Amino acid sequence: MADSSSADNPLDQLRLSLMQDVLPVGLAVLERARQGGPTKVAEVFSGASADPIADLREEGEPAARTVREQLDQVSPGLGNPVMPVSVSVEEPVASPDERSELIIALQRIEGRLEELSRRLPADS
């Protein structure tokens, strides 16, 4: 069966990648440039880190989260794309023993309710 989820839509995939990968890295680069210019930006690529892009992504994530939340306030799902999910509910199957125990409990409750109604005054 064909599914029209965002995983199948290239535009949704691009937007998700922009929001989760490009935005945090870009914001981290901008903040570094604001703080120390090109030297501060180049610092992360100096070889001290095995994965400078991952470091930038982590560094820019708090600011990116704020931007995504602000975009969601403009239009829900704009900053944090809604991901399709598949939910299924399995009905529990009661065994014959469980059913008979339930019937006994219900009969006991019914008997107590009848007893209670007999003891209550008729005009209440």
PDB file of N, CA and C in Angstrom:
ATOM      1  N   MET A   1       0.845  -1.165   0.000  1.00  0.00           N
ATOM      2  CA  MET A   1       0.000   0.000   0.000  1.00  0.00           C
ATOM      3  C   MET A   1       0.895   1.233   0.000  1.00  0.00           C
ATOM      4  N   ALA A   2       0.583   2.199  -0.852  1.00  0.00           N
ATOM      5  CA  ALA A   2       1.375   3.420  -0.938  1.00  0.00           C
ATOM      6  C   ALA A   2       1.045   4.333   0.223  1.00  0.00           C
ATOM      7  N   ASP A   3       2.070   4.937   0.770  1.00  0.00           N
ATOM      8  CA  ASP A   3       1.891   5.820   1.925  1.00  0.00           C
ATOM      9  C   ASP A   3       2.376   7.203   1.529  1.00  0.00           C
ATOM     10  N   SER A   4       1.587   8.231   1.783  1.00  0.00           N
ATOM     11  CA  SER A   4       1.973   9.591   1.414  1.00  0.00           C
ATOM     12  C   SER A   4       2.579  10.310   2.604  1.00  0.00           C
ATOM     13  N   SER A   5       3.401   9.601   3.371  1.00  0.00           N
ATOM     14  CA  SER A   5       4.033  10.197   4.548  1.00  0.00           C
ATOM     15  C   SER A   5       5.104  11.170   4.119  1.00  0.00           C
ATOM     16  N   SER A   6       5.562  11.988   5.068  1.00  0.00           N
ATOM     17  CA  SER A   6       6.587  12.966   4.751  1.00  0.00           C
ATOM     18  C   SER A   6       7.906  12.288   4.399  1.00  0.00           C
ATOM     19  N   ALA A   7       8.089  11.028   4.771  1.00  0.00           N
ATOM     20  CA  ALA A   7       9.308  10.312   4.409  1.00  0.00           C
ATOM     21  C   ALA A   7       9.352  10.077   2.906  1.00  0.00           C
ATOM     22  N   ASP A   8       8.186  10.044   2.239  1.00  0.00           N
ATOM     23  CA  ASP A   8       8.119   9.832   0.807  1.00  0.00           C
ATOM     24  C   ASP A   8       8.155  11.146   0.040  1.00  0.00           C
ATOM     25  N   ASN A   9       7.971  12.274   0.709  1.00  0.00           N
ATOM     26  CA  ASN A   9       7.902  13.567   0.054  1.00  0.00           C
ATOM     27  C   ASN A   9       9.268  14.249   0.123  1.00  0.00           C
ATOM     28  N   PRO A  10       9.915  14.453  -1.021  1.00  0.00           N
ATOM     29  CA  PRO A  10      11.259  15.056  -1.005  1.00  0.00           C
ATOM     30  C   PRO A  10      11.273  16.458  -0.405  1.00  0.00           C
ATOM     31  N   LEU A  11      10.229  17.237  -0.598  1.00  0.00           N
ATOM     32  CA  LEU A  11      10.200  18.580  -0.015  1.00  0.00           C
ATOM     33  C   LEU A  11      10.136  18.520   1.506  1.00  0.00           C
ATOM     34  N   ASP A  12       9.367  17.594   2.041  1.00  0.00           N
ATOM     35  CA  ASP A  12       9.305  17.431   3.497  1.00  0.00           C
ATOM     36  C   ASP A  12      10.643  16.942   4.037  1.00  0.00           C
ATOM     37  N   GLN A  13      11.300  16.053   3.285  1.00  0.00           N
ATOM     38  CA  GLN A  13      12.622  15.571   3.700  1.00  0.00           C
ATOM     39  C   GLN A  13      13.626  16.719   3.713  1.00  0.00           C
ATOM     40  N   LEU A  14      13.566  17.584   2.697  1.00  0.00           N
ATOM     41  CA  LEU A  14      14.467  18.727   2.625  1.00  0.00           C
ATOM     42  C   LEU A  14      14.218  19.677   3.795  1.00  0.00           C
ATOM     43  N   ARG A  15      12.954  19.969   4.062  1.00  0.00           N
ATOM     44  CA  ARG A  15      12.623  20.881   5.166  1.00  0.00           C
ATOM     45  C   ARG A  15      13.075  20.303   6.502  1.00  0.00           C
ATOM     46  N   LEU A  16      12.865  19.003   6.701  1.00  0.00           N
ATOM     47  CA  LEU A  16      13.305  18.353   7.932  1.00  0.00           C
ATOM     48  C   LEU A  16      14.821  18.439   8.079  1.00  0.00           C
ATOM     49  N   SER A  17      15.539  18.195   6.985  1.00  0.00           N
ATOM     50  CA  SER A  17      16.997  18.286   7.023  1.00  0.00           C
ATOM     51  C   SER A  17      17.450  19.714   7.323  1.00  0.00           C
ATOM     52  N   LEU A  18      16.778  20.685   6.726  1.00  0.00           N
ATOM     53  CA  LEU A  18      17.122  22.085   6.988  1.00  0.00           C
ATOM     54  C   LEU A  18      16.904  22.433   8.460  1.00  0.00           C
ATOM     55  N   MET A  19      15.794  21.995   9.014  1.00  0.00           N
ATOM     56  CA  MET A  19      15.460  22.341  10.397  1.00  0.00           C
ATOM     57  C   MET A  19      16.349  21.618  11.405  1.00  0.00           C
ATOM     58  N   GLN A  20      16.714  20.368  11.117  1.00  0.00           N
ATOM     59  CA  GLN A  20      17.453  19.577  12.094  1.00  0.00           C
ATOM     60  C   GLN A  20      18.962  19.621  11.911  1.00  0.00           C
ATOM     61  N   ASP A  21      19.427  19.876  10.699  1.00  0.00           N
ATOM     62  CA  ASP A  21      20.866  19.823  10.447  1.00  0.00           C
ATOM     63  C   ASP A  21      21.454  21.185  10.083  1.00  0.00           C
ATOM     64  N   VAL A  22      20.899  21.809   9.053  1.00  0.00           N
ATOM     65  CA  VAL A  22      21.467  23.046   8.532  1.00  0.00           C
ATOM     66  C   VAL A  22      21.252  24.215   9.491  1.00  0.00           C
ATOM     67  N   LEU A  23      20.055  24.347  10.045  1.00  0.00           N
ATOM     68  CA  LEU A  23      19.754  25.474  10.939  1.00  0.00           C
ATOM     69  C   LEU A  23      20.683  25.526  12.154  1.00  0.00           C
ATOM     70  N   PRO A  24      20.864  24.436  12.898  1.00  0.00           N
ATOM     71  CA  PRO A  24      21.769  24.520  14.057  1.00  0.00           C
ATOM     72  C   PRO A  24      23.213  24.857  13.667  1.00  0.00           C
ATOM     73  N   VAL A  25      23.702  24.267  12.579  1.00  0.00           N
ATOM     74  CA  VAL A  25      25.075  24.530  12.142  1.00  0.00           C
ATOM     75  C   VAL A  25      25.200  25.990  11.717  1.00  0.00           C
ATOM     76  N   GLY A  26      24.242  26.466  10.951  1.00  0.00           N
ATOM     77  CA  GLY A  26      24.275  27.850  10.488  1.00  0.00           C
ATOM     78  C   GLY A  26      24.222  28.840  11.638  1.00  0.00           C
ATOM     79  N   LEU A  27      23.379  28.578  12.621  1.00  0.00           N
ATOM     80  CA  LEU A  27      23.287  29.483  13.769  1.00  0.00           C
ATOM     81  C   LEU A  27      24.572  29.471  14.598  1.00  0.00           C
ATOM     82  N   ALA A  28      25.198  28.310  14.711  1.00  0.00           N
ATOM     83  CA  ALA A  28      26.466  28.235  15.447  1.00  0.00           C
ATOM     84  C   ALA A  28      27.553  29.013  14.712  1.00  0.00           C
ATOM     85  N   VAL A  29      27.605  28.894  13.380  1.00  0.00           N
ATOM     86  CA  VAL A  29      28.598  29.628  12.591  1.00  0.00           C
ATOM     87  C   VAL A  29      28.347  31.127  12.731  1.00  0.00           C
ATOM     88  N   LEU A  30      27.085  31.546  12.644  1.00  0.00           N
ATOM     89  CA  LEU A  30      26.767  32.971  12.798  1.00  0.00           C
ATOM     90  C   LEU A  30      27.175  33.496  14.167  1.00  0.00           C
ATOM     91  N   GLU A  31      26.901  32.736  15.212  1.00  0.00           N
ATOM     92  CA  GLU A  31      27.254  33.172  16.564  1.00  0.00           C
ATOM     93  C   GLU A  31      28.768  33.259  16.728  1.00  0.00           C
ATOM     94  N   ARG A  32      29.484  32.284  16.163  1.00  0.00           N
ATOM     95  CA  ARG A  32      30.947  32.331  16.229  1.00  0.00           C
ATOM     96  C   ARG A  32      31.479  33.549  15.466  1.00  0.00           C
ATOM     97  N   ALA A  33      30.897  33.830  14.298  1.00  0.00           N
ATOM     98  CA  ALA A  33      31.332  34.981  13.500  1.00  0.00           C
ATOM     99  C   ALA A  33      31.039  36.284  14.248  1.00  0.00           C
ATOM    100  N   ARG A  34      29.902  36.334  14.928  1.00  0.00           N
ATOM    101  CA  ARG A  34      29.540  37.522  15.691  1.00  0.00           C
ATOM    102  C   ARG A  34      30.515  37.733  16.851  1.00  0.00           C
ATOM    103  N   GLN A  35      30.901  36.633  17.500  1.00  0.00           N
ATOM    104  CA  GLN A  35      31.780  36.726  18.664  1.00  0.00           C
ATOM    105  C   GLN A  35      33.231  37.024  18.298  1.00  0.00           C
ATOM    106  N   GLY A  36      33.739  36.388  17.239  1.00  0.00           N
ATOM    107  CA  GLY A  36      35.172  36.536  16.984  1.00  0.00           C
ATOM    108  C   GLY A  36      35.558  36.629  15.532  1.00  0.00           C
ATOM    109  N   GLY A  37      34.576  36.800  14.654  1.00  0.00           N
ATOM    110  CA  GLY A  37      34.884  36.931  13.237  1.00  0.00           C
ATOM    111  C   GLY A  37      35.289  35.607  12.610  1.00  0.00           C
ATOM    112  N   PRO A  38      35.906  35.686  11.440  1.00  0.00           N
ATOM    113  CA  PRO A  38      36.285  34.473  10.706  1.00  0.00           C
ATOM    114  C   PRO A  38      37.252  33.572  11.480  1.00  0.00           C
ATOM    115  N   THR A  39      38.077  34.166  12.310  1.00  0.00           N
ATOM    116  CA  THR A  39      39.033  33.375  13.092  1.00  0.00           C
ATOM    117  C   THR A  39      38.311  32.414  14.022  1.00  0.00           C
ATOM    118  N   LYS A  40      37.270  32.908  14.679  1.00  0.00           N
ATOM    119  CA  LYS A  40      36.487  32.074  15.607  1.00  0.00           C
ATOM    120  C   LYS A  40      35.752  30.975  14.840  1.00  0.00           C
ATOM    121  N   VAL A  41      35.281  31.281  13.619  1.00  0.00           N
ATOM    122  CA  VAL A  41      34.599  30.272  12.798  1.00  0.00           C
ATOM    123  C   VAL A  41      35.595  29.206  12.367  1.00  0.00           C
ATOM    124  N   ALA A  42      36.779  29.616  11.928  1.00  0.00           N
ATOM    125  CA  ALA A  42      37.789  28.671  11.449  1.00  0.00           C
ATOM    126  C   ALA A  42      38.333  27.800  12.565  1.00  0.00           C
ATOM    127  N   GLU A  43      38.233  28.276  13.786  1.00  0.00           N
ATOM    128  CA  GLU A  43      38.743  27.561  14.956  1.00  0.00           C
ATOM    129  C   GLU A  43      38.195  26.134  15.042  1.00  0.00           C
ATOM    130  N   VAL A  44      36.917  25.976  14.751  1.00  0.00           N
ATOM    131  CA  VAL A  44      36.282  24.664  14.870  1.00  0.00           C
ATOM    132  C   VAL A  44      36.825  23.681  13.830  1.00  0.00           C
ATOM    133  N   PHE A  45      37.338  24.205  12.723  1.00  0.00           N
ATOM    134  CA  PHE A  45      37.856  23.344  11.662  1.00  0.00           C
ATOM    135  C   PHE A  45      39.368  23.146  11.750  1.00  0.00           C
ATOM    136  N   SER A  46      39.966  23.559  12.848  1.00  0.00           N
ATOM    137  CA  SER A  46      41.425  23.526  12.992  1.00  0.00           C
ATOM    138  C   SER A  46      42.004  22.127  13.171  1.00  0.00           C
ATOM    139  N   GLY A  47      41.188  21.134  13.274  1.00  0.00           N
ATOM    140  CA  GLY A  47      41.683  19.774  13.429  1.00  0.00           C
ATOM    141  C   GLY A  47      41.596  19.251  14.845  1.00  0.00           C
ATOM    142  N   ALA A  48      41.187  20.076  15.785  1.00  0.00           N
ATOM    143  CA  ALA A  48      41.074  19.632  17.171  1.00  0.00           C
ATOM    144  C   ALA A  48      39.909  18.668  17.350  1.00  0.00           C
ATOM    145  N   SER A  49      38.948  18.734  16.448  1.00  0.00           N
ATOM    146  CA  SER A  49      37.761  17.886  16.561  1.00  0.00           C
ATOM    147  C   SER A  49      37.705  16.895  15.403  1.00  0.00           C
ATOM    148  N   ALA A  50      37.235  15.695  15.697  1.00  0.00           N
ATOM    149  CA  ALA A  50      37.092  14.683  14.660  1.00  0.00           C
ATOM    150  C   ALA A  50      35.909  14.988  13.746  1.00  0.00           C
ATOM    151  N   ASP A  51      34.885  15.649  14.284  1.00  0.00           N
ATOM    152  CA  ASP A  51      33.689  15.966  13.496  1.00  0.00           C
ATOM    153  C   ASP A  51      33.228  17.392  13.804  1.00  0.00           C
ATOM    154  N   PRO A  52      33.831  18.376  13.135  1.00  0.00           N
ATOM    155  CA  PRO A  52      33.497  19.766  13.436  1.00  0.00           C
ATOM    156  C   PRO A  52      32.037  20.117  13.129  1.00  0.00           C
ATOM    157  N   ILE A  53      31.461  19.496  12.122  1.00  0.00           N
ATOM    158  CA  ILE A  53      30.052  19.778  11.788  1.00  0.00           C
ATOM    159  C   ILE A  53      29.149  19.312  12.923  1.00  0.00           C
ATOM    160  N   ALA A  54      29.420  18.139  13.481  1.00  0.00           N
ATOM    161  CA  ALA A  54      28.625  17.650  14.620  1.00  0.00           C
ATOM    162  C   ALA A  54      28.789  18.582  15.816  1.00  0.00           C
ATOM    163  N   ASP A  55      30.008  19.092  16.005  1.00  0.00           N
ATOM    164  CA  ASP A  55      30.235  20.033  17.105  1.00  0.00           C
ATOM    165  C   ASP A  55      29.428  21.311  16.905  1.00  0.00           C
ATOM    166  N   LEU A  56      29.432  21.815  15.665  1.00  0.00           N
ATOM    167  CA  LEU A  56      28.647  23.025  15.368  1.00  0.00           C
ATOM    168  C   LEU A  56      27.154  22.770  15.536  1.00  0.00           C
ATOM    169  N   ARG A  57      26.698  21.591  15.095  1.00  0.00           N
ATOM    170  CA  ARG A  57      25.279  21.242  15.225  1.00  0.00           C
ATOM    171  C   ARG A  57      24.873  21.239  16.704  1.00  0.00           C
ATOM    172  N   GLU A  58      25.720  20.640  17.533  1.00  0.00           N
ATOM    173  CA  GLU A  58      25.445  20.593  18.970  1.00  0.00           C
ATOM    174  C   GLU A  58      25.484  21.992  19.587  1.00  0.00           C
ATOM    175  N   GLU A  59      26.435  22.777  19.159  1.00  0.00           N
ATOM    176  CA  GLU A  59      26.591  24.143  19.673  1.00  0.00           C
ATOM    177  C   GLU A  59      25.398  25.026  19.293  1.00  0.00           C
ATOM    178  N   GLY A  60      24.874  24.841  18.092  1.00  0.00           N
ATOM    179  CA  GLY A  60      23.778  25.678  17.621  1.00  0.00           C
ATOM    180  C   GLY A  60      22.396  25.152  17.927  1.00  0.00           C
ATOM    181  N   GLU A  61      22.291  23.952  18.483  1.00  0.00           N
ATOM    182  CA  GLU A  61      20.984  23.334  18.722  1.00  0.00           C
ATOM    183  C   GLU A  61      20.084  24.152  19.650  1.00  0.00           C
ATOM    184  N   PRO A  62      20.569  24.705  20.774  1.00  0.00           N
ATOM    185  CA  PRO A  62      19.660  25.490  21.623  1.00  0.00           C
ATOM    186  C   PRO A  62      19.036  26.678  20.880  1.00  0.00           C
ATOM    187  N   ALA A  63      19.823  27.387  20.100  1.00  0.00           N
ATOM    188  CA  ALA A  63      19.281  28.519  19.336  1.00  0.00           C
ATOM    189  C   ALA A  63      18.329  28.024  18.248  1.00  0.00           C
ATOM    190  N   ALA A  64      18.672  26.913  17.607  1.00  0.00           N
ATOM    191  CA  ALA A  64      17.808  26.361  16.562  1.00  0.00           C
ATOM    192  C   ALA A  64      16.474  25.914  17.156  1.00  0.00           C
ATOM    193  N   ARG A  65      16.501  25.344  18.344  1.00  0.00           N
ATOM    194  CA  ARG A  65      15.270  24.910  19.009  1.00  0.00           C
ATOM    195  C   ARG A  65      14.353  26.117  19.238  1.00  0.00           C
ATOM    196  N   THR A  66      14.947  27.227  19.656  1.00  0.00           N
ATOM    197  CA  THR A  66      14.167  28.453  19.881  1.00  0.00           C
ATOM    198  C   THR A  66      13.551  28.937  18.576  1.00  0.00           C
ATOM    199  N   VAL A  67      14.325  28.926  17.502  1.00  0.00           N
ATOM    200  CA  VAL A  67      13.812  29.358  16.198  1.00  0.00           C
ATOM    201  C   VAL A  67      12.684  28.438  15.749  1.00  0.00           C
ATOM    202  N   ARG A  68      12.862  27.131  15.898  1.00  0.00           N
ATOM    203  CA  ARG A  68      11.814  26.186  15.489  1.00  0.00           C
ATOM    204  C   ARG A  68      10.538  26.399  16.292  1.00  0.00           C
ATOM    205  N   GLU A  69      10.673  26.656  17.597  1.00  0.00           N
ATOM    206  CA  GLU A  69       9.491  26.905  18.433  1.00  0.00           C
ATOM    207  C   GLU A  69       8.786  28.181  17.999  1.00  0.00           C
ATOM    208  N   GLN A  70       9.550  29.213  17.636  1.00  0.00           N
ATOM    209  CA  GLN A  70       8.943  30.454  17.158  1.00  0.00           C
ATOM    210  C   GLN A  70       8.231  30.230  15.833  1.00  0.00           C
ATOM    211  N   LEU A  71       8.814  29.428  14.956  1.00  0.00           N
ATOM    212  CA  LEU A  71       8.153  29.103  13.689  1.00  0.00           C
ATOM    213  C   LEU A  71       6.861  28.327  13.927  1.00  0.00           C
ATOM    214  N   ASP A  72       6.868  27.445  14.926  1.00  0.00           N
ATOM    215  CA  ASP A  72       5.657  26.690  15.256  1.00  0.00           C
ATOM    216  C   ASP A  72       4.558  27.597  15.784  1.00  0.00           C
ATOM    217  N   GLN A  73       4.930  28.696  16.430  1.00  0.00           N
ATOM    218  CA  GLN A  73       3.918  29.636  16.907  1.00  0.00           C
ATOM    219  C   GLN A  73       3.262  30.351  15.729  1.00  0.00           C
ATOM    220  N   VAL A  74       4.014  30.566  14.658  1.00  0.00           N
ATOM    221  CA  VAL A  74       3.453  31.182  13.453  1.00  0.00           C
ATOM    222  C   VAL A  74       2.518  30.204  12.764  1.00  0.00           C
ATOM    223  N   SER A  75       2.985  28.974  12.592  1.00  0.00           N
ATOM    224  CA  SER A  75       2.183  27.925  11.946  1.00  0.00           C
ATOM    225  C   SER A  75       2.627  26.575  12.503  1.00  0.00           C
ATOM    226  N   PRO A  76       1.749  25.886  13.233  1.00  0.00           N
ATOM    227  CA  PRO A  76       2.135  24.600  13.820  1.00  0.00           C
ATOM    228  C   PRO A  76       2.687  23.635  12.767  1.00  0.00           C
ATOM    229  N   GLY A  77       3.836  23.051  13.093  1.00  0.00           N
ATOM    230  CA  GLY A  77       4.473  22.106  12.187  1.00  0.00           C
ATOM    231  C   GLY A  77       5.482  22.753  11.258  1.00  0.00           C
ATOM    232  N   LEU A  78       5.553  24.086  11.254  1.00  0.00           N
ATOM    233  CA  LEU A  78       6.490  24.770  10.368  1.00  0.00           C
ATOM    234  C   LEU A  78       7.929  24.586  10.850  1.00  0.00           C
ATOM    235  N   GLY A  79       8.167  24.767  12.132  1.00  0.00           N
ATOM    236  CA  GLY A  79       9.515  24.629  12.675  1.00  0.00           C
ATOM    237  C   GLY A  79       9.861  23.210  13.055  1.00  0.00           C
ATOM    238  N   ASN A  80       8.910  22.514  13.620  1.00  0.00           N
ATOM    239  CA  ASN A  80       9.090  21.111  14.000  1.00  0.00           C
ATOM    240  C   ASN A  80       8.093  20.306  13.181  1.00  0.00           C
ATOM    241  N   PRO A  81       8.539  19.813  12.018  1.00  0.00           N
ATOM    242  CA  PRO A  81       7.608  19.115  11.129  1.00  0.00           C
ATOM    243  C   PRO A  81       6.912  17.956  11.829  1.00  0.00           C
ATOM    244  N   VAL A  82       5.637  17.823  11.544  1.00  0.00           N
ATOM    245  CA  VAL A  82       4.852  16.743  12.111  1.00  0.00           C
ATOM    246  C   VAL A  82       5.275  15.456  11.415  1.00  0.00           C
ATOM    247  N   MET A  83       5.635  14.500  12.222  1.00  0.00           N
ATOM    248  CA  MET A  83       6.070  13.221  11.674  1.00  0.00           C
ATOM    249  C   MET A  83       4.903  12.246  11.692  1.00  0.00           C
ATOM    250  N   PRO A  84       4.653  11.563  10.585  1.00  0.00           N
ATOM    251  CA  PRO A  84       3.565  10.594  10.568  1.00  0.00           C
ATOM    252  C   PRO A  84       3.903   9.391  11.445  1.00  0.00           C
ATOM    253  N   VAL A  85       2.915   8.898  12.124  1.00  0.00           N
ATOM    254  CA  VAL A  85       3.095   7.715  12.951  1.00  0.00           C
ATOM    255  C   VAL A  85       1.996   6.715  12.632  1.00  0.00           C
ATOM    256  N   SER A  86       2.271   5.495  12.880  1.00  0.00           N
ATOM    257  CA  SER A  86       1.289   4.438  12.689  1.00  0.00           C
ATOM    258  C   SER A  86       0.986   3.848  14.059  1.00  0.00           C
ATOM    259  N   VAL A  87      -0.278   3.900  14.439  1.00  0.00           N
ATOM    260  CA  VAL A  87      -0.677   3.414  15.750  1.00  0.00           C
ATOM    261  C   VAL A  87      -1.671   2.284  15.554  1.00  0.00           C
ATOM    262  N   SER A  88      -1.450   1.212  16.264  1.00  0.00           N
ATOM    263  CA  SER A  88      -2.408   0.115  16.224  1.00  0.00           C
ATOM    264  C   SER A  88      -2.671  -0.345  17.652  1.00  0.00           C
ATOM    265  N   VAL A  89      -3.897  -0.756  17.875  1.00  0.00           N
ATOM    266  CA  VAL A  89      -4.299  -1.199  19.198  1.00  0.00           C
ATOM    267  C   VAL A  89      -4.739  -2.651  19.078  1.00  0.00           C
ATOM    268  N   GLU A  90      -4.151  -3.467  19.909  1.00  0.00           N
ATOM    269  CA  GLU A  90      -4.540  -4.865  19.930  1.00  0.00           C
ATOM    270  C   GLU A  90      -5.489  -5.076  21.096  1.00  0.00           C
ATOM    271  N   GLU A  91      -6.634  -5.619  20.785  1.00  0.00           N
ATOM    272  CA  GLU A  91      -7.616  -5.895  21.822  1.00  0.00           C
ATOM    273  C   GLU A  91      -7.149  -7.107  22.622  1.00  0.00           C
ATOM    274  N   PRO A  92      -7.126  -6.963  23.932  1.00  0.00           N
ATOM    275  CA  PRO A  92      -6.730  -8.117  24.740  1.00  0.00           C
ATOM    276  C   PRO A  92      -7.793  -9.212  24.639  1.00  0.00           C
ATOM    277  N   VAL A  93      -7.335 -10.432  24.526  1.00  0.00           N
ATOM    278  CA  VAL A  93      -8.250 -11.567  24.444  1.00  0.00           C
ATOM    279  C   VAL A  93      -8.288 -12.228  25.814  1.00  0.00           C
ATOM    280  N   ALA A  94      -9.478 -12.250  26.380  1.00  0.00           N
ATOM    281  CA  ALA A  94      -9.637 -12.855  27.704  1.00  0.00           C
ATOM    282  C   ALA A  94      -9.777 -14.367  27.559  1.00  0.00           C
ATOM    283  N   SER A  95      -9.105 -15.071  28.435  1.00  0.00           N
ATOM    284  CA  SER A  95      -9.226 -16.528  28.427  1.00  0.00           C
ATOM    285  C   SER A  95     -10.572 -16.906  29.030  1.00  0.00           C
ATOM    286  N   PRO A  96     -11.031 -18.128  28.797  1.00  0.00           N
ATOM    287  CA  PRO A  96     -12.308 -18.550  29.385  1.00  0.00           C
ATOM    288  C   PRO A  96     -12.317 -18.443  30.914  1.00  0.00           C
ATOM    289  N   ASP A  97     -11.163 -18.702  31.558  1.00  0.00           N
ATOM    290  CA  ASP A  97     -11.089 -18.580  33.015  1.00  0.00           C
ATOM    291  C   ASP A  97     -11.286 -17.130  33.450  1.00  0.00           C
ATOM    292  N   GLU A  98     -10.664 -16.207  32.725  1.00  0.00           N
ATOM    293  CA  GLU A  98     -10.809 -14.790  33.050  1.00  0.00           C
ATOM    294  C   GLU A  98     -12.250 -14.335  32.852  1.00  0.00           C
ATOM    295  N   ARG A  99     -12.875 -14.833  31.804  1.00  0.00           N
ATOM    296  CA  ARG A  99     -14.275 -14.465  31.549  1.00  0.00           C
ATOM    297  C   ARG A  99     -15.183 -14.977  32.664  1.00  0.00           C
ATOM    298  N   SER A 100     -14.962 -16.190  33.091  1.00  0.00           N
ATOM    299  CA  SER A 100     -15.822 -16.736  34.144  1.00  0.00           C
ATOM    300  C   SER A 100     -15.583 -15.996  35.463  1.00  0.00           C
ATOM    301  N   GLU A 101     -14.337 -15.609  35.743  1.00  0.00           N
ATOM    302  CA  GLU A 101     -14.055 -14.827  36.948  1.00  0.00           C
ATOM    303  C   GLU A 101     -14.731 -13.469  36.877  1.00  0.00           C
ATOM    304  N   LEU A 102     -14.724 -12.877  35.690  1.00  0.00           N
ATOM    305  CA  LEU A 102     -15.378 -11.582  35.506  1.00  0.00           C
ATOM    306  C   LEU A 102     -16.884 -11.696  35.696  1.00  0.00           C
ATOM    307  N   ILE A 103     -17.476 -12.731  35.158  1.00  0.00           N
ATOM    308  CA  ILE A 103     -18.927 -12.935  35.313  1.00  0.00           C
ATOM    309  C   ILE A 103     -19.282 -13.126  36.785  1.00  0.00           C
ATOM    310  N   ILE A 104     -18.475 -13.895  37.502  1.00  0.00           N
ATOM    311  CA  ILE A 104     -18.726 -14.103  38.936  1.00  0.00           C
ATOM    312  C   ILE A 104     -18.624 -12.780  39.691  1.00  0.00           C
ATOM    313  N   ALA A 105     -17.598 -11.981  39.378  1.00  0.00           N
ATOM    314  CA  ALA A 105     -17.436 -10.688  40.048  1.00  0.00           C
ATOM    315  C   ALA A 105     -18.603  -9.766  39.733  1.00  0.00           C
ATOM    316  N   LEU A 106     -19.043  -9.750  38.491  1.00  0.00           N
ATOM    317  CA  LEU A 106     -20.181  -8.904  38.114  1.00  0.00           C
ATOM    318  C   LEU A 106     -21.470  -9.363  38.797  1.00  0.00           C
ATOM    319  N   GLN A 107     -21.667 -10.660  38.913  1.00  0.00           N
ATOM    320  CA  GLN A 107     -22.853 -11.169  39.607  1.00  0.00           C
ATOM    321  C   GLN A 107     -22.809 -10.801  41.086  1.00  0.00           C
ATOM    322  N   ARG A 108     -21.633 -10.858  41.689  1.00  0.00           N
ATOM    323  CA  ARG A 108     -21.487 -10.480  43.093  1.00  0.00           C
ATOM    324  C   ARG A 108     -21.815  -8.987  43.266  1.00  0.00           C
ATOM    325  N   ILE A 109     -21.322  -8.147  42.354  1.00  0.00           N
ATOM    326  CA  ILE A 109     -21.621  -6.714  42.417  1.00  0.00           C
ATOM    327  C   ILE A 109     -23.115  -6.481  42.240  1.00  0.00           C
ATOM    328  N   GLU A 110     -23.716  -7.184  41.307  1.00  0.00           N
ATOM    329  CA  GLU A 110     -25.158  -7.033  41.064  1.00  0.00           C
ATOM    330  C   GLU A 110     -25.955  -7.420  42.304  1.00  0.00           C
ATOM    331  N   GLY A 111     -25.548  -8.494  42.950  1.00  0.00           N
ATOM    332  CA  GLY A 111     -26.237  -8.916  44.169  1.00  0.00           C
ATOM    333  C   GLY A 111     -26.111  -7.880  45.271  1.00  0.00           C
ATOM    334  N   ARG A 112     -24.931  -7.288  45.419  1.00  0.00           N
ATOM    335  CA  ARG A 112     -24.737  -6.259  46.444  1.00  0.00           C
ATOM    336  C   ARG A 112     -25.546  -5.003  46.137  1.00  0.00           C
ATOM    337  N   LEU A 113     -25.651  -4.661  44.847  1.00  0.00           N
ATOM    338  CA  LEU A 113     -26.466  -3.498  44.470  1.00  0.00           C
ATOM    339  C   LEU A 113     -27.945  -3.750  44.773  1.00  0.00           C
ATOM    340  N   GLU A 114     -28.412  -4.961  44.519  1.00  0.00           N
ATOM    341  CA  GLU A 114     -29.811  -5.302  44.828  1.00  0.00           C
ATOM    342  C   GLU A 114     -30.054  -5.232  46.328  1.00  0.00           C
ATOM    343  N   GLU A 115     -29.098  -5.738  47.102  1.00  0.00           N
ATOM    344  CA  GLU A 115     -29.212  -5.686  48.564  1.00  0.00           C
ATOM    345  C   GLU A 115     -29.240  -4.244  49.044  1.00  0.00           C
ATOM    346  N   LEU A 116     -28.389  -3.413  48.479  1.00  0.00           N
ATOM    347  CA  LEU A 116     -28.341  -2.005  48.829  1.00  0.00           C
ATOM    348  C   LEU A 116     -29.663  -1.311  48.494  1.00  0.00           C
ATOM    349  N   SER A 117     -30.205  -1.592  47.327  1.00  0.00           N
ATOM    350  CA  SER A 117     -31.471  -0.947  46.957  1.00  0.00           C
ATOM    351  C   SER A 117     -32.626  -1.426  47.842  1.00  0.00           C
ATOM    352  N   ARG A 118     -32.601  -2.647  48.350  1.00  0.00           N
ATOM    353  CA  ARG A 118     -33.628  -3.147  49.280  1.00  0.00           C
ATOM    354  C   ARG A 118     -33.536  -2.433  50.606  1.00  0.00           C
ATOM    355  N   ARG A 119     -32.321  -2.098  51.030  1.00  0.00           N
ATOM    356  CA  ARG A 119     -32.129  -1.461  52.335  1.00  0.00           C
ATOM    357  C   ARG A 119     -32.401   0.046  52.316  1.00  0.00           C
ATOM    358  N   LEU A 120     -32.331   0.668  51.157  1.00  0.00           N
ATOM    359  CA  LEU A 120     -32.597   2.094  51.059  1.00  0.00           C
ATOM    360  C   LEU A 120     -34.106   2.337  51.125  1.00  0.00           C
ATOM    361  N   PRO A 121     -34.516   3.440  51.756  1.00  0.00           N
ATOM    362  CA  PRO A 121     -35.960   3.757  51.793  1.00  0.00           C
ATOM    363  C   PRO A 121     -36.457   4.014  50.369  1.00  0.00           C
ATOM    364  N   ALA A 122     -37.682   3.613  50.116  1.00  0.00           N
ATOM    365  CA  ALA A 122     -38.274   3.717  48.802  1.00  0.00           C
ATOM    366  C   ALA A 122     -38.495   5.169  48.371  1.00  0.00           C
ATOM    367  N   ASP A 123     -38.664   6.098  49.290  1.00  0.00           N
ATOM    368  CA  ASP A 123     -38.971   7.487  48.938  1.00  0.00           C
ATOM    369  C   ASP A 123     -37.720   8.356  48.797  1.00  0.00           C
ATOM    370  N   SER A 124     -36.518   7.797  48.757  1.00  0.00           N
ATOM    371  CA  SER A 124     -35.314   8.625  48.623  1.00  0.00           C
ATOM    372  C   SER A 124     -34.874   8.759  47.195  1.00  0.00           C
TER     373      SER A 124
END
